[in-house]
Amino acid sequence: MVEEREQQLLEENTMERISLIRSLSELDGTCYFEILPGKYEGNCWNQNSVFITEEIFGYFEPVFERHEPDFDHYAFMAIGKDVWTLIISDFSNLMQVLEQSQDVQELEGKVGFVFRDSMCRFASDFRSNAMTLAGVLRELSEWLEEQLKNHDCISVLGI
């Protein structure tokens, strides 16, 4: 599945739109991470979830891997408030790095590039992509903080 999507992006040589998707009507296909308020209860594509394409999620996937040792790109997992607090804090640090960086090489080890060509596409319009990704992290952090007021956990539904 990852190889097919990677090949498609290579052929198109395009950068996926960096955004947080809030409406099911904006989804095209199934290569999305779903962030679901509360525990997963057997249903995907929930109206109250937000969605992120696989490539875009990959940019900040290292944050999840640092704070949730059992994180798996392909699994569904509930993450508790305490871990989300660490993740949101790490998002804040990553936003600062993105806003201050002048070159894609400054992001190595901080940003994940899941496909072979992801780094090249990100670098092709670096400042715009870095600022847009920082904005998405800010928007996601705000959404997470709002959800954590009413939920003890938030689930990440992998690919």
C-alpha atoms as a PDB file:
ATOM      1  CA  MET A   1       0.000   0.000   0.000  1.00  0.00           C
ATOM      2  CA  VAL A   2       2.768   2.466   0.933  1.00  0.00           C
ATOM      3  CA  GLU A   3       4.712   1.536  -2.205  1.00  0.00           C
ATOM      4  CA  GLU A   4       1.661   2.150  -4.429  1.00  0.00           C
ATOM      5  CA  ARG A   5       1.056   5.602  -2.913  1.00  0.00           C
ATOM      6  CA  GLU A   6       4.752   6.424  -3.119  1.00  0.00           C
ATOM      7  CA  GLN A   7       4.821   5.450  -6.799  1.00  0.00           C
ATOM      8  CA  GLN A   8       1.744   7.577  -7.498  1.00  0.00           C
ATOM      9  CA  LEU A   9       3.350  10.629  -5.862  1.00  0.00           C
ATOM     10  CA  LEU A  10       6.611  10.049  -7.736  1.00  0.00           C
ATOM     11  CA  GLU A  11       4.771   9.862 -11.049  1.00  0.00           C
ATOM     12  CA  GLU A  12       2.808  13.003 -10.269  1.00  0.00           C
ATOM     13  CA  ASN A  13       5.898  14.652  -8.717  1.00  0.00           C
ATOM     14  CA  THR A  14       3.521  16.747  -6.655  1.00  0.00           C
ATOM     15  CA  MET A  15       3.402  17.736  -3.047  1.00  0.00           C
ATOM     16  CA  GLU A  16       0.291  16.682  -1.179  1.00  0.00           C
ATOM     17  CA  ARG A  17      -1.616  19.611   0.261  1.00  0.00           C
ATOM     18  CA  ILE A  18      -0.483  20.091   3.838  1.00  0.00           C
ATOM     19  CA  SER A  19      -3.700  20.332   5.808  1.00  0.00           C
ATOM     20  CA  LEU A  20      -5.805  18.988   8.619  1.00  0.00           C
ATOM     21  CA  ILE A  21      -8.957  17.514   7.104  1.00  0.00           C
ATOM     22  CA  ARG A  22     -12.087  18.084   9.144  1.00  0.00           C
ATOM     23  CA  SER A  23     -14.793  16.820   6.788  1.00  0.00           C
ATOM     24  CA  LEU A  24     -15.399  13.353   5.399  1.00  0.00           C
ATOM     25  CA  SER A  25     -16.402  14.987   2.099  1.00  0.00           C
ATOM     26  CA  GLU A  26     -12.779  16.108   1.620  1.00  0.00           C
ATOM     27  CA  LEU A  27     -11.412  12.553   1.714  1.00  0.00           C
ATOM     28  CA  ASP A  28     -10.346  10.886  -1.519  1.00  0.00           C
ATOM     29  CA  GLY A  29      -9.359   7.258  -1.062  1.00  0.00           C
ATOM     30  CA  THR A  30      -8.254   5.610   2.163  1.00  0.00           C
ATOM     31  CA  CYS A  31      -4.613   6.610   2.825  1.00  0.00           C
ATOM     32  CA  TYR A  32      -5.399   8.724   5.878  1.00  0.00           C
ATOM     33  CA  PHE A  33      -4.668   8.683   9.567  1.00  0.00           C
ATOM     34  CA  GLU A  34      -7.806   9.283  11.577  1.00  0.00           C
ATOM     35  CA  ILE A  35      -7.547  11.060  14.924  1.00  0.00           C
ATOM     36  CA  LEU A  36     -10.640  10.034  16.867  1.00  0.00           C
ATOM     37  CA  PRO A  37     -11.821  11.590  20.150  1.00  0.00           C
ATOM     38  CA  GLY A  38     -12.121   8.790  22.709  1.00  0.00           C
ATOM     39  CA  LYS A  39     -11.531   5.064  22.219  1.00  0.00           C
ATOM     40  CA  TYR A  40     -11.921   3.280  18.912  1.00  0.00           C
ATOM     41  CA  GLU A  41     -15.155   1.307  19.039  1.00  0.00           C
ATOM     42  CA  GLY A  42     -15.123  -0.511  15.730  1.00  0.00           C
ATOM     43  CA  ASN A  43     -16.000   2.343  13.370  1.00  0.00           C
ATOM     44  CA  CYS A  44     -13.696   4.302  11.093  1.00  0.00           C
ATOM     45  CA  TRP A  45     -14.422   7.508   9.180  1.00  0.00           C
ATOM     46  CA  ASN A  46     -16.147   9.217  12.104  1.00  0.00           C
ATOM     47  CA  GLN A  47     -17.763  12.627  11.690  1.00  0.00           C
ATOM     48  CA  ASN A  48     -16.076  13.999  14.832  1.00  0.00           C
ATOM     49  CA  SER A  49     -12.580  12.899  13.773  1.00  0.00           C
ATOM     50  CA  VAL A  50      -9.899  14.792  11.909  1.00  0.00           C
ATOM     51  CA  PHE A  51      -7.851  13.220   9.136  1.00  0.00           C
ATOM     52  CA  ILE A  52      -4.327  13.606   7.833  1.00  0.00           C
ATOM     53  CA  THR A  53      -2.851  12.090   4.695  1.00  0.00           C
ATOM     54  CA  GLU A  54      -0.191   9.466   5.172  1.00  0.00           C
ATOM     55  CA  GLU A  55       2.629  11.620   3.834  1.00  0.00           C
ATOM     56  CA  ILE A  56       1.697  14.661   5.916  1.00  0.00           C
ATOM     57  CA  PHE A  57       1.255  12.571   9.084  1.00  0.00           C
ATOM     58  CA  GLY A  58       4.684  11.123   8.358  1.00  0.00           C
ATOM     59  CA  TYR A  59       6.250  14.562   8.815  1.00  0.00           C
ATOM     60  CA  PHE A  60       5.402  14.480  12.524  1.00  0.00           C
ATOM     61  CA  GLU A  61       5.178  10.710  13.067  1.00  0.00           C
ATOM     62  CA  PRO A  62       8.569  10.753  14.880  1.00  0.00           C
ATOM     63  CA  VAL A  63       6.852  12.702  17.687  1.00  0.00           C
ATOM     64  CA  PHE A  64       4.447   9.799  18.234  1.00  0.00           C
ATOM     65  CA  GLU A  65       7.277   7.273  18.085  1.00  0.00           C
ATOM     66  CA  ARG A  66       9.187   9.192  20.793  1.00  0.00           C
ATOM     67  CA  HIS A  67       6.299   9.369  23.228  1.00  0.00           C
ATOM     68  CA  GLU A  68       4.340   6.189  22.530  1.00  0.00           C
ATOM     69  CA  PRO A  69       6.775   3.226  22.341  1.00  0.00           C
ATOM     70  CA  ASP A  70       4.095   0.895  20.920  1.00  0.00           C
ATOM     71  CA  PHE A  71       3.095   3.327  18.163  1.00  0.00           C
ATOM     72  CA  ASP A  72       2.612   1.531  14.853  1.00  0.00           C
ATOM     73  CA  HIS A  73       1.961   3.227  11.509  1.00  0.00           C
ATOM     74  CA  TYR A  74      -0.645   0.560  10.677  1.00  0.00           C
ATOM     75  CA  ALA A  75      -2.328   0.003  14.064  1.00  0.00           C
ATOM     76  CA  PHE A  76      -5.231   1.578  15.922  1.00  0.00           C
ATOM     77  CA  MET A  77      -4.335   2.798  19.390  1.00  0.00           C
ATOM     78  CA  ALA A  78      -5.808   4.892  22.169  1.00  0.00           C
ATOM     79  CA  ILE A  79      -3.381   7.416  23.650  1.00  0.00           C
ATOM     80  CA  GLY A  80      -4.020   8.815  27.127  1.00  0.00           C
ATOM     81  CA  LYS A  81      -4.075  12.468  28.171  1.00  0.00           C
ATOM     82  CA  ASP A  82      -0.651  12.331  29.809  1.00  0.00           C
ATOM     83  CA  VAL A  83       1.025  11.204  26.597  1.00  0.00           C
ATOM     84  CA  TRP A  84      -0.962  13.677  24.503  1.00  0.00           C
ATOM     85  CA  THR A  85       0.357  16.457  26.746  1.00  0.00           C
ATOM     86  CA  LEU A  86       3.905  15.400  25.837  1.00  0.00           C
ATOM     87  CA  ILE A  87       3.029  15.106  22.151  1.00  0.00           C
ATOM     88  CA  ILE A  88       1.440  18.574  22.084  1.00  0.00           C
ATOM     89  CA  SER A  89       4.512  20.019  23.797  1.00  0.00           C
ATOM     90  CA  ASP A  90       6.739  18.337  21.220  1.00  0.00           C
ATOM     91  CA  PHE A  91       4.501  19.735  18.453  1.00  0.00           C
ATOM     92  CA  SER A  92       5.146  23.199  19.884  1.00  0.00           C
ATOM     93  CA  ASN A  93       8.901  22.638  19.716  1.00  0.00           C
ATOM     94  CA  LEU A  94       8.612  21.324  16.168  1.00  0.00           C
ATOM     95  CA  MET A  95       6.567  24.387  15.159  1.00  0.00           C
ATOM     96  CA  GLN A  96       9.415  26.632  16.332  1.00  0.00           C
ATOM     97  CA  VAL A  97      11.964  24.581  14.396  1.00  0.00           C
ATOM     98  CA  LEU A  98       9.814  24.772  11.258  1.00  0.00           C
ATOM     99  CA  GLU A  99       9.302  28.520  11.613  1.00  0.00           C
ATOM    100  CA  GLN A 100      13.031  29.192  12.113  1.00  0.00           C
ATOM    101  CA  SER A 101      14.590  26.723   9.684  1.00  0.00           C
ATOM    102  CA  GLN A 102      15.928  27.970   6.390  1.00  0.00           C
ATOM    103  CA  ASP A 103      16.674  24.641   4.748  1.00  0.00           C
ATOM    104  CA  VAL A 104      15.221  21.134   4.686  1.00  0.00           C
ATOM    105  CA  GLN A 105      18.499  19.689   6.011  1.00  0.00           C
ATOM    106  CA  GLU A 106      17.837  21.491   9.306  1.00  0.00           C
ATOM    107  CA  LEU A 107      14.786  19.240   9.726  1.00  0.00           C
ATOM    108  CA  GLU A 108      16.638  15.926   9.509  1.00  0.00           C
ATOM    109  CA  GLY A 109      15.905  13.820  12.565  1.00  0.00           C
ATOM    110  CA  LYS A 110      13.041  16.132  13.530  1.00  0.00           C
ATOM    111  CA  VAL A 111      10.656  15.657  10.605  1.00  0.00           C
ATOM    112  CA  GLY A 112       9.861  12.296   9.061  1.00  0.00           C
ATOM    113  CA  PHE A 113       9.855  11.815   5.320  1.00  0.00           C
ATOM    114  CA  VAL A 114       7.994   8.533   4.703  1.00  0.00           C
ATOM    115  CA  PHE A 115       8.384   8.348   0.948  1.00  0.00           C
ATOM    116  CA  ARG A 116      11.626   8.458  -1.037  1.00  0.00           C
ATOM    117  CA  ASP A 117      10.743  11.748  -2.677  1.00  0.00           C
ATOM    118  CA  SER A 118       8.994  13.416   0.281  1.00  0.00           C
ATOM    119  CA  MET A 119      12.024  15.442   1.319  1.00  0.00           C
ATOM    120  CA  CYS A 120      12.634  16.701  -2.224  1.00  0.00           C
ATOM    121  CA  ARG A 121       9.020  17.762  -2.675  1.00  0.00           C
ATOM    122  CA  PHE A 122       9.012  19.453   0.740  1.00  0.00           C
ATOM    123  CA  ALA A 123      12.266  21.253  -0.129  1.00  0.00           C
ATOM    124  CA  SER A 124      10.916  22.446  -3.495  1.00  0.00           C
ATOM    125  CA  ASP A 125       8.921  25.190  -1.737  1.00  0.00           C
ATOM    126  CA  PHE A 126      10.581  24.936   1.648  1.00  0.00           C
ATOM    127  CA  ARG A 127       9.503  28.141   3.408  1.00  0.00           C
ATOM    128  CA  SER A 128       5.880  27.810   2.360  1.00  0.00           C
ATOM    129  CA  ASN A 129       5.741  24.109   3.258  1.00  0.00           C
ATOM    130  CA  ALA A 130       7.488  24.627   6.601  1.00  0.00           C
ATOM    131  CA  MET A 131       5.138  27.454   7.582  1.00  0.00           C
ATOM    132  CA  THR A 132       2.065  25.526   6.422  1.00  0.00           C
ATOM    133  CA  LEU A 133       3.125  22.436   8.380  1.00  0.00           C
ATOM    134  CA  ALA A 134       3.697  24.589  11.477  1.00  0.00           C
ATOM    135  CA  GLY A 135       0.162  25.947  11.017  1.00  0.00           C
ATOM    136  CA  VAL A 136      -1.271  22.427  10.751  1.00  0.00           C
ATOM    137  CA  LEU A 137       0.543  21.422  13.949  1.00  0.00           C
ATOM    138  CA  ARG A 138      -0.897  24.485  15.688  1.00  0.00           C
ATOM    139  CA  GLU A 139      -4.412  23.699  14.435  1.00  0.00           C
ATOM    140  CA  LEU A 140      -4.082  20.027  15.429  1.00  0.00           C
ATOM    141  CA  SER A 141      -2.745  20.951  18.873  1.00  0.00           C
ATOM    142  CA  GLU A 142      -5.704  23.265  19.479  1.00  0.00           C
ATOM    143  CA  TRP A 143      -8.129  20.561  18.329  1.00  0.00           C
ATOM    144  CA  LEU A 144      -6.446  17.982  20.595  1.00  0.00           C
ATOM    145  CA  GLU A 145      -6.545  20.290  23.621  1.00  0.00           C
ATOM    146  CA  GLU A 146     -10.252  20.902  23.036  1.00  0.00           C
ATOM    147  CA  GLN A 147     -10.969  17.163  22.714  1.00  0.00           C
ATOM    148  CA  LEU A 148      -8.977  16.335  25.851  1.00  0.00           C
ATOM    149  CA  LYS A 149     -11.369  18.504  27.876  1.00  0.00           C
ATOM    150  CA  ASN A 150     -14.054  15.856  27.265  1.00  0.00           C
ATOM    151  CA  HIS A 151     -12.095  12.632  26.691  1.00  0.00           C
ATOM    152  CA  ASP A 152      -9.558  10.644  28.691  1.00  0.00           C
ATOM    153  CA  CYS A 153      -7.910   9.448  25.504  1.00  0.00           C
ATOM    154  CA  ILE A 154      -7.766  10.165  21.813  1.00  0.00           C
ATOM    155  CA  SER A 155      -7.222   7.351  19.345  1.00  0.00           C
ATOM    156  CA  VAL A 156      -4.932   7.311  16.333  1.00  0.00           C
ATOM    157  CA  LEU A 157      -6.208   5.023  13.595  1.00  0.00           C
ATOM    158  CA  GLY A 158      -3.305   4.172  11.325  1.00  0.00           C
ATOM    159  CA  ILE A 159      -3.344   3.327   7.654  1.00  0.00           C
END
